[in-house]
Structure formats: C-alpha cells, structure tokens
Amino acid sequence: MNNNFRYDDYRYSDMEILNQNQILPQSNEMENQTNHLAEPYQAFVQGNLFNNLYKGYKNYRPARIIPNNEQAELLLNVDQLCFVAHELNLYLDNYPNDQKMIQLFNKYQSMANMATQEYEKKYGPLSITSLSDDKQFSWEAYAWPWEVE
C-alpha cells in the first residue's frame, strides 16, 4: 500500500481531451461535434464531466479526495470511472450517434468493470449484482468499512 497517494495517480492522461465551443448544438452537427471533457478524477469531484457546463458556486472549490488506505484508493478509482461512464451514458441517451462518445463510453465502461473486479477480488462485493461465493454469503464474508482500522 502506498501511503503517499496522490489523486493524480488516477488521472487517465490517455483520455482524449476534445475541444469545442458549444456543448449542445441546435443542429444535426452533433455527430461531428467534439466536447471538452474533464479528466475522470476532476469530473468526479466537480460532479460534471463537461468542463464548459460546470459552473462553480461563488468561491467554492471541489474538495480533494485523499484516500487513506489501499481499499479507499481502489474505491476512488471505481467511483470515478463509473461516474465518467455514467455521464457518457447520459450524453448518449440524447445523442446516440456520436461515434467519438460511443468509443469513450466503451473505453470507460470497460475500465470501470476492470476496476470493480479488482476491488471485489480484494474487498468483496460492491453491489447486489456482484457474484457471490457458493459457500458463504458475500456480504457477511468481508469486514464492513467501519470495522476496518
């Protein structure tokens, strides 16, 4: 476990940063439009994947999330990847033919699934749909977060 966790460790620098001037055009140009997207960590803490739609309240700055153990690091990774995939899913509900966004959604959905599997392998299920051990009920097999020191 790395006690010197830096939130930058889970910023995916390979994410394509797409430029744009207008987020939701009023024409059929949507398929060819690109969007200015935040990195996954930044999107997660500000609650918005689309930088040009994020409007901070007065002088509020999103708090940095600093995990204090390996479990918290893995959970932060799961949370931010799932958040980005969900934001892209919502976008694609409105613009289902945007090929760049479909590719990004598939990428981040896959990354979220891998991160979830990694977390669950070490720390147990995150949701009711997670696979359960045949010999023991999964929710009882692992310590609850408040039981871990």
N, C-alpha and C. Protein backbone atom coordinates (compact mmCIF):
# COMPACT_ATOMS: atom_id res chain seq x y z
N MET A 1 0.84 -1.18 0.00
CA MET A 1 0.00 0.00 0.00
C MET A 1 0.88 1.24 0.00
N ASN A 2 0.50 2.21 -0.79
CA ASN A 2 1.24 3.44 -0.89
C ASN A 2 0.56 4.50 -0.03
N ASN A 3 1.21 4.89 1.07
CA ASN A 3 0.63 5.91 1.94
C ASN A 3 0.79 7.32 1.38
N ASN A 4 1.55 7.45 0.32
CA ASN A 4 1.76 8.75 -0.30
C ASN A 4 0.90 8.89 -1.54
N PHE A 5 -0.36 8.50 -1.41
CA PHE A 5 -1.29 8.55 -2.55
C PHE A 5 -1.45 9.97 -3.04
N ARG A 6 -1.40 10.13 -4.32
CA ARG A 6 -1.68 11.42 -4.94
C ARG A 6 -2.87 11.23 -5.86
N TYR A 7 -3.84 12.13 -5.77
CA TYR A 7 -5.02 11.97 -6.60
C TYR A 7 -4.68 11.94 -8.07
N ASP A 8 -3.53 12.50 -8.46
CA ASP A 8 -3.12 12.48 -9.86
C ASP A 8 -2.86 11.06 -10.35
N ASP A 9 -2.61 10.13 -9.41
CA ASP A 9 -2.32 8.76 -9.81
C ASP A 9 -3.47 8.14 -10.58
N TYR A 10 -4.69 8.60 -10.36
CA TYR A 10 -5.84 8.04 -11.05
C TYR A 10 -6.40 8.97 -12.11
N ARG A 11 -5.59 9.90 -12.55
CA ARG A 11 -5.98 10.72 -13.70
C ARG A 11 -5.51 9.99 -14.93
N TYR A 12 -6.38 9.76 -15.86
CA TYR A 12 -6.04 8.98 -17.03
C TYR A 12 -5.58 9.92 -18.14
N SER A 13 -4.27 10.09 -18.21
CA SER A 13 -3.72 11.05 -19.16
C SER A 13 -3.93 10.63 -20.60
N ASP A 14 -4.29 9.37 -20.81
CA ASP A 14 -4.53 8.93 -22.18
C ASP A 14 -5.91 9.30 -22.67
N MET A 15 -6.74 9.87 -21.77
CA MET A 15 -8.08 10.25 -22.19
C MET A 15 -8.00 11.36 -23.21
N GLU A 16 -8.70 11.19 -24.28
CA GLU A 16 -8.71 12.19 -25.34
C GLU A 16 -9.43 13.43 -24.84
N ILE A 17 -8.74 14.55 -24.82
CA ILE A 17 -9.37 15.81 -24.45
C ILE A 17 -9.86 16.44 -25.75
N LEU A 18 -11.14 16.54 -25.86
CA LEU A 18 -11.76 17.02 -27.09
C LEU A 18 -12.15 18.49 -26.91
N ASN A 19 -11.88 19.30 -27.93
CA ASN A 19 -12.17 20.72 -27.85
C ASN A 19 -13.51 21.04 -28.49
N GLN A 20 -14.11 22.11 -27.99
CA GLN A 20 -15.36 22.57 -28.57
C GLN A 20 -15.68 23.99 -28.12
N ASN A 21 -16.55 24.63 -28.82
CA ASN A 21 -17.01 25.95 -28.44
C ASN A 21 -18.43 25.90 -27.90
N GLN A 22 -19.21 24.99 -28.37
CA GLN A 22 -20.62 24.91 -27.97
C GLN A 22 -20.92 23.47 -27.60
N ILE A 23 -21.45 23.23 -26.40
CA ILE A 23 -21.64 21.86 -25.94
C ILE A 23 -22.81 21.16 -26.62
N LEU A 24 -23.92 21.78 -26.80
CA LEU A 24 -25.08 21.13 -27.38
C LEU A 24 -25.61 21.93 -28.56
N PRO A 25 -25.07 21.70 -29.74
CA PRO A 25 -25.51 22.44 -30.91
C PRO A 25 -26.98 22.17 -31.22
N GLN A 26 -27.61 23.11 -31.86
CA GLN A 26 -29.03 23.01 -32.18
C GLN A 26 -29.27 22.38 -33.55
N SER A 27 -28.25 21.78 -34.12
CA SER A 27 -28.40 21.21 -35.46
C SER A 27 -27.99 19.75 -35.47
N ASN A 28 -27.97 19.16 -36.65
CA ASN A 28 -27.59 17.76 -36.79
C ASN A 28 -26.07 17.59 -36.80
N GLU A 29 -25.34 18.60 -36.42
CA GLU A 29 -23.88 18.52 -36.40
C GLU A 29 -23.37 17.74 -35.20
N MET A 30 -24.27 17.23 -34.38
CA MET A 30 -23.85 16.59 -33.14
C MET A 30 -22.89 15.44 -33.36
N GLU A 31 -23.09 14.65 -34.40
CA GLU A 31 -22.21 13.52 -34.63
C GLU A 31 -20.78 13.97 -34.88
N ASN A 32 -20.60 15.15 -35.47
CA ASN A 32 -19.27 15.63 -35.77
C ASN A 32 -18.73 16.58 -34.70
N GLN A 33 -19.56 16.93 -33.73
CA GLN A 33 -19.14 17.84 -32.66
C GLN A 33 -18.24 17.10 -31.69
N THR A 34 -17.29 17.82 -31.14
CA THR A 34 -16.47 17.28 -30.07
C THR A 34 -16.78 18.06 -28.80
N ASN A 35 -16.42 17.49 -27.67
CA ASN A 35 -16.73 18.09 -26.37
C ASN A 35 -15.47 18.24 -25.55
N HIS A 36 -15.40 19.28 -24.78
CA HIS A 36 -14.28 19.48 -23.87
C HIS A 36 -14.61 18.75 -22.58
N LEU A 37 -13.91 17.65 -22.33
CA LEU A 37 -14.20 16.80 -21.19
C LEU A 37 -13.14 16.92 -20.11
N ALA A 38 -13.60 16.82 -18.86
CA ALA A 38 -12.68 16.81 -17.73
C ALA A 38 -12.04 15.44 -17.61
N GLU A 39 -10.89 15.38 -16.97
CA GLU A 39 -10.28 14.10 -16.62
C GLU A 39 -11.21 13.40 -15.61
N PRO A 40 -11.18 12.07 -15.52
CA PRO A 40 -12.10 11.35 -14.64
C PRO A 40 -12.10 11.82 -13.19
N TYR A 41 -10.93 12.03 -12.59
CA TYR A 41 -10.91 12.47 -11.19
C TYR A 41 -11.57 13.83 -11.04
N GLN A 42 -11.20 14.77 -11.91
CA GLN A 42 -11.77 16.11 -11.83
C GLN A 42 -13.28 16.08 -12.06
N ALA A 43 -13.73 15.30 -13.03
CA ALA A 43 -15.16 15.17 -13.30
C ALA A 43 -15.88 14.64 -12.07
N PHE A 44 -15.30 13.65 -11.41
CA PHE A 44 -15.92 13.05 -10.23
C PHE A 44 -16.06 14.05 -9.10
N VAL A 45 -14.99 14.79 -8.80
CA VAL A 45 -15.07 15.72 -7.66
C VAL A 45 -15.91 16.94 -7.96
N GLN A 46 -15.99 17.36 -9.23
CA GLN A 46 -16.83 18.52 -9.53
C GLN A 46 -18.25 18.11 -9.90
N GLY A 47 -18.47 16.81 -10.12
CA GLY A 47 -19.81 16.32 -10.41
C GLY A 47 -20.29 16.61 -11.82
N ASN A 48 -19.34 16.80 -12.74
CA ASN A 48 -19.71 17.13 -14.11
C ASN A 48 -18.56 16.79 -15.03
N LEU A 49 -18.82 15.96 -16.02
CA LEU A 49 -17.78 15.56 -16.98
C LEU A 49 -17.47 16.68 -17.98
N PHE A 50 -18.43 17.53 -18.23
CA PHE A 50 -18.29 18.55 -19.26
C PHE A 50 -17.82 19.86 -18.64
N ASN A 51 -16.54 20.18 -18.87
CA ASN A 51 -15.95 21.37 -18.26
C ASN A 51 -16.73 22.65 -18.56
N ASN A 52 -17.22 22.78 -19.79
CA ASN A 52 -17.88 24.03 -20.12
C ASN A 52 -19.33 24.07 -19.62
N LEU A 53 -19.80 23.04 -18.97
CA LEU A 53 -21.10 23.09 -18.31
C LEU A 53 -20.95 23.25 -16.80
N TYR A 54 -19.74 23.10 -16.30
CA TYR A 54 -19.52 23.22 -14.86
C TYR A 54 -19.48 24.69 -14.47
N LYS A 55 -20.35 25.06 -13.58
CA LYS A 55 -20.37 26.42 -13.05
C LYS A 55 -20.25 26.31 -11.53
N GLY A 56 -19.09 26.69 -11.02
CA GLY A 56 -18.88 26.64 -9.58
C GLY A 56 -19.74 27.66 -8.87
N TYR A 57 -20.07 27.39 -7.64
CA TYR A 57 -20.87 28.31 -6.84
C TYR A 57 -19.96 29.25 -6.08
N LYS A 58 -20.06 30.53 -6.40
CA LYS A 58 -19.24 31.57 -5.78
C LYS A 58 -17.78 31.16 -5.76
N ASN A 59 -17.17 31.07 -4.59
CA ASN A 59 -15.75 30.72 -4.49
C ASN A 59 -15.53 29.25 -4.13
N TYR A 60 -16.56 28.43 -4.27
CA TYR A 60 -16.45 27.02 -3.90
C TYR A 60 -15.47 26.31 -4.82
N ARG A 61 -14.62 25.53 -4.23
CA ARG A 61 -13.71 24.67 -4.97
C ARG A 61 -13.97 23.23 -4.51
N PRO A 62 -14.11 22.30 -5.46
CA PRO A 62 -14.31 20.91 -5.04
C PRO A 62 -13.16 20.43 -4.15
N ALA A 63 -13.51 19.69 -3.12
CA ALA A 63 -12.51 19.17 -2.19
C ALA A 63 -11.71 18.05 -2.83
N ARG A 64 -10.47 17.96 -2.46
CA ARG A 64 -9.64 16.84 -2.91
C ARG A 64 -10.00 15.63 -2.07
N ILE A 65 -10.11 14.50 -2.72
CA ILE A 65 -10.37 13.26 -2.01
C ILE A 65 -9.03 12.56 -1.85
N ILE A 66 -8.62 12.35 -0.62
CA ILE A 66 -7.33 11.74 -0.36
C ILE A 66 -7.57 10.42 0.38
N PRO A 67 -7.49 9.30 -0.34
CA PRO A 67 -7.70 8.00 0.30
C PRO A 67 -6.61 7.73 1.34
N ASN A 68 -7.01 7.08 2.43
CA ASN A 68 -6.02 6.81 3.48
C ASN A 68 -5.56 5.36 3.52
N ASN A 69 -6.03 4.54 2.58
CA ASN A 69 -5.56 3.16 2.52
C ASN A 69 -5.81 2.62 1.11
N GLU A 70 -5.32 1.41 0.87
CA GLU A 70 -5.44 0.81 -0.46
C GLU A 70 -6.90 0.60 -0.86
N GLN A 71 -7.73 0.19 0.09
CA GLN A 71 -9.14 -0.04 -0.22
C GLN A 71 -9.79 1.26 -0.68
N ALA A 72 -9.50 2.34 -0.01
CA ALA A 72 -10.07 3.63 -0.40
C ALA A 72 -9.55 4.09 -1.76
N GLU A 73 -8.28 3.80 -2.06
CA GLU A 73 -7.72 4.13 -3.37
C GLU A 73 -8.45 3.39 -4.48
N LEU A 74 -8.64 2.08 -4.27
CA LEU A 74 -9.33 1.28 -5.28
C LEU A 74 -10.77 1.74 -5.45
N LEU A 75 -11.43 2.06 -4.34
CA LEU A 75 -12.82 2.51 -4.42
C LEU A 75 -12.92 3.86 -5.13
N LEU A 76 -11.98 4.75 -4.89
CA LEU A 76 -11.97 6.03 -5.61
C LEU A 76 -11.81 5.79 -7.11
N ASN A 77 -10.96 4.86 -7.47
CA ASN A 77 -10.77 4.54 -8.88
C ASN A 77 -12.08 4.01 -9.48
N VAL A 78 -12.74 3.09 -8.79
CA VAL A 78 -14.03 2.57 -9.25
C VAL A 78 -15.03 3.71 -9.39
N ASP A 79 -15.13 4.53 -8.37
CA ASP A 79 -16.12 5.62 -8.37
C ASP A 79 -15.93 6.57 -9.54
N GLN A 80 -14.70 7.00 -9.80
CA GLN A 80 -14.51 7.99 -10.86
C GLN A 80 -14.73 7.38 -12.23
N LEU A 81 -14.32 6.14 -12.43
CA LEU A 81 -14.53 5.51 -13.73
C LEU A 81 -16.01 5.25 -13.98
N CYS A 82 -16.73 4.80 -12.96
CA CYS A 82 -18.18 4.59 -13.10
C CYS A 82 -18.89 5.91 -13.35
N PHE A 83 -18.44 6.98 -12.69
CA PHE A 83 -19.04 8.29 -12.89
C PHE A 83 -18.89 8.75 -14.34
N VAL A 84 -17.69 8.62 -14.89
CA VAL A 84 -17.45 9.04 -16.28
C VAL A 84 -18.30 8.20 -17.23
N ALA A 85 -18.33 6.89 -17.02
CA ALA A 85 -19.14 6.03 -17.88
C ALA A 85 -20.62 6.41 -17.80
N HIS A 86 -21.09 6.73 -16.60
CA HIS A 86 -22.49 7.12 -16.44
C HIS A 86 -22.78 8.46 -17.12
N GLU A 87 -21.88 9.42 -16.98
CA GLU A 87 -22.06 10.71 -17.64
C GLU A 87 -22.10 10.54 -19.16
N LEU A 88 -21.22 9.71 -19.68
CA LEU A 88 -21.21 9.47 -21.13
C LEU A 88 -22.49 8.74 -21.55
N ASN A 89 -22.98 7.85 -20.71
CA ASN A 89 -24.23 7.16 -20.99
C ASN A 89 -25.39 8.16 -21.08
N LEU A 90 -25.44 9.10 -20.15
CA LEU A 90 -26.49 10.12 -20.19
C LEU A 90 -26.39 10.98 -21.45
N TYR A 91 -25.18 11.33 -21.81
CA TYR A 91 -24.96 12.10 -23.03
C TYR A 91 -25.47 11.31 -24.24
N LEU A 92 -25.12 10.01 -24.30
CA LEU A 92 -25.51 9.18 -25.44
C LEU A 92 -27.01 8.91 -25.48
N ASP A 93 -27.70 9.06 -24.37
CA ASP A 93 -29.16 8.96 -24.39
C ASP A 93 -29.75 10.04 -25.31
N ASN A 94 -29.10 11.19 -25.34
CA ASN A 94 -29.57 12.30 -26.16
C ASN A 94 -28.95 12.33 -27.55
N TYR A 95 -27.73 11.84 -27.67
CA TYR A 95 -27.01 11.88 -28.94
C TYR A 95 -26.44 10.50 -29.24
N PRO A 96 -27.29 9.53 -29.57
CA PRO A 96 -26.87 8.13 -29.70
C PRO A 96 -25.96 7.84 -30.89
N ASN A 97 -25.77 8.76 -31.78
CA ASN A 97 -24.95 8.50 -32.96
C ASN A 97 -23.58 9.15 -32.91
N ASP A 98 -23.21 9.73 -31.80
CA ASP A 98 -21.92 10.40 -31.66
C ASP A 98 -20.84 9.32 -31.47
N GLN A 99 -20.13 9.01 -32.55
CA GLN A 99 -19.19 7.89 -32.55
C GLN A 99 -18.02 8.08 -31.59
N LYS A 100 -17.51 9.30 -31.46
CA LYS A 100 -16.41 9.54 -30.53
C LYS A 100 -16.84 9.27 -29.10
N MET A 101 -18.04 9.69 -28.77
CA MET A 101 -18.55 9.47 -27.41
C MET A 101 -18.88 8.00 -27.17
N ILE A 102 -19.32 7.30 -28.19
CA ILE A 102 -19.57 5.86 -28.04
C ILE A 102 -18.25 5.14 -27.75
N GLN A 103 -17.20 5.53 -28.46
CA GLN A 103 -15.88 4.92 -28.21
C GLN A 103 -15.40 5.22 -26.80
N LEU A 104 -15.56 6.48 -26.35
CA LEU A 104 -15.16 6.82 -24.99
C LEU A 104 -16.00 6.07 -23.96
N PHE A 105 -17.29 5.97 -24.20
CA PHE A 105 -18.16 5.23 -23.28
C PHE A 105 -17.69 3.78 -23.17
N ASN A 106 -17.44 3.13 -24.29
CA ASN A 106 -16.98 1.74 -24.26
C ASN A 106 -15.66 1.60 -23.51
N LYS A 107 -14.76 2.54 -23.73
CA LYS A 107 -13.47 2.52 -23.05
C LYS A 107 -13.65 2.63 -21.54
N TYR A 108 -14.42 3.62 -21.10
CA TYR A 108 -14.57 3.84 -19.66
C TYR A 108 -15.47 2.82 -19.00
N GLN A 109 -16.42 2.27 -19.72
CA GLN A 109 -17.23 1.19 -19.16
C GLN A 109 -16.35 -0.03 -18.92
N SER A 110 -15.49 -0.34 -19.86
CA SER A 110 -14.56 -1.46 -19.70
C SER A 110 -13.60 -1.22 -18.53
N MET A 111 -13.05 -0.01 -18.44
CA MET A 111 -12.14 0.32 -17.35
C MET A 111 -12.86 0.24 -16.00
N ALA A 112 -14.11 0.70 -15.95
CA ALA A 112 -14.90 0.64 -14.70
C ALA A 112 -15.14 -0.81 -14.31
N ASN A 113 -15.44 -1.66 -15.27
CA ASN A 113 -15.65 -3.08 -14.97
C ASN A 113 -14.38 -3.72 -14.43
N MET A 114 -13.24 -3.42 -15.02
CA MET A 114 -11.97 -3.99 -14.55
C MET A 114 -11.64 -3.48 -13.15
N ALA A 115 -11.86 -2.19 -12.89
CA ALA A 115 -11.59 -1.63 -11.57
C ALA A 115 -12.51 -2.24 -10.52
N THR A 116 -13.77 -2.46 -10.88
CA THR A 116 -14.72 -3.08 -9.96
C THR A 116 -14.29 -4.51 -9.65
N GLN A 117 -13.89 -5.25 -10.66
CA GLN A 117 -13.43 -6.63 -10.43
C GLN A 117 -12.20 -6.66 -9.53
N GLU A 118 -11.27 -5.73 -9.74
CA GLU A 118 -10.08 -5.67 -8.91
C GLU A 118 -10.46 -5.39 -7.46
N TYR A 119 -11.35 -4.43 -7.25
CA TYR A 119 -11.78 -4.10 -5.89
C TYR A 119 -12.47 -5.30 -5.24
N GLU A 120 -13.41 -5.91 -5.97
CA GLU A 120 -14.19 -7.01 -5.40
C GLU A 120 -13.33 -8.24 -5.11
N LYS A 121 -12.28 -8.44 -5.88
CA LYS A 121 -11.39 -9.58 -5.63
C LYS A 121 -10.72 -9.43 -4.27
N LYS A 122 -10.36 -8.19 -3.90
CA LYS A 122 -9.66 -7.96 -2.64
C LYS A 122 -10.59 -7.67 -1.47
N TYR A 123 -11.71 -6.97 -1.73
CA TYR A 123 -12.50 -6.43 -0.62
C TYR A 123 -13.96 -6.84 -0.62
N GLY A 124 -14.37 -7.68 -1.55
CA GLY A 124 -15.75 -8.14 -1.54
C GLY A 124 -16.66 -7.34 -2.45
N PRO A 125 -17.92 -7.75 -2.51
CA PRO A 125 -18.86 -7.18 -3.47
C PRO A 125 -19.18 -5.71 -3.21
N LEU A 126 -19.42 -4.99 -4.30
CA LEU A 126 -19.84 -3.60 -4.22
C LEU A 126 -21.34 -3.44 -4.45
N SER A 127 -21.95 -4.41 -5.09
CA SER A 127 -23.38 -4.30 -5.35
C SER A 127 -24.04 -5.66 -5.23
N ILE A 128 -25.34 -5.66 -5.21
CA ILE A 128 -26.10 -6.89 -5.09
C ILE A 128 -25.95 -7.77 -6.31
N THR A 129 -25.56 -7.20 -7.44
CA THR A 129 -25.39 -7.98 -8.66
C THR A 129 -24.01 -8.61 -8.78
N SER A 130 -23.13 -8.34 -7.82
CA SER A 130 -21.80 -8.96 -7.83
C SER A 130 -21.94 -10.45 -7.55
N LEU A 131 -21.05 -11.22 -8.14
CA LEU A 131 -21.09 -12.66 -7.94
C LEU A 131 -20.81 -13.01 -6.49
N SER A 132 -21.53 -14.01 -6.01
CA SER A 132 -21.40 -14.44 -4.62
C SER A 132 -20.71 -15.79 -4.56
N ASP A 133 -19.96 -16.01 -3.50
CA ASP A 133 -19.32 -17.29 -3.24
C ASP A 133 -20.42 -18.30 -2.91
N ASP A 134 -20.31 -19.50 -3.47
CA ASP A 134 -21.32 -20.52 -3.23
C ASP A 134 -21.35 -21.02 -1.79
N LYS A 135 -20.23 -20.90 -1.07
CA LYS A 135 -20.13 -21.45 0.27
C LYS A 135 -20.51 -20.47 1.38
N GLN A 136 -20.43 -19.19 1.09
CA GLN A 136 -20.72 -18.19 2.12
C GLN A 136 -21.36 -16.97 1.47
N PHE A 137 -22.32 -16.40 2.15
CA PHE A 137 -22.98 -15.20 1.63
C PHE A 137 -21.98 -14.05 1.63
N SER A 138 -21.76 -13.43 0.48
CA SER A 138 -20.69 -12.47 0.28
C SER A 138 -20.74 -11.28 1.23
N TRP A 139 -21.91 -10.77 1.52
CA TRP A 139 -22.00 -9.57 2.35
C TRP A 139 -21.47 -9.81 3.76
N GLU A 140 -21.52 -11.04 4.21
CA GLU A 140 -21.05 -11.36 5.55
C GLU A 140 -19.59 -11.79 5.57
N ALA A 141 -19.01 -12.06 4.43
CA ALA A 141 -17.65 -12.61 4.36
C ALA A 141 -16.56 -11.57 4.58
N TYR A 142 -16.86 -10.33 4.40
CA TYR A 142 -15.85 -9.28 4.47
C TYR A 142 -16.21 -8.28 5.56
N ALA A 143 -15.17 -7.62 6.07
CA ALA A 143 -15.39 -6.59 7.08
C ALA A 143 -16.08 -5.38 6.45
N TRP A 144 -16.95 -4.76 7.22
CA TRP A 144 -17.61 -3.53 6.78
C TRP A 144 -16.62 -2.38 6.93
N PRO A 145 -16.78 -1.31 6.18
CA PRO A 145 -15.81 -0.20 6.21
C PRO A 145 -15.54 0.33 7.63
N TRP A 146 -16.54 0.38 8.48
CA TRP A 146 -16.36 0.91 9.83
C TRP A 146 -15.68 -0.09 10.76
N GLU A 147 -15.53 -1.34 10.29
CA GLU A 147 -14.86 -2.34 11.09
C GLU A 147 -13.36 -2.41 10.78
N VAL A 148 -12.94 -1.73 9.73
CA VAL A 148 -11.52 -1.74 9.32
C VAL A 148 -10.81 -0.59 9.98
N GLU A 149 -9.65 -0.88 10.52
CA GLU A 149 -8.86 0.19 11.15
C GLU A 149 -7.82 0.73 10.21
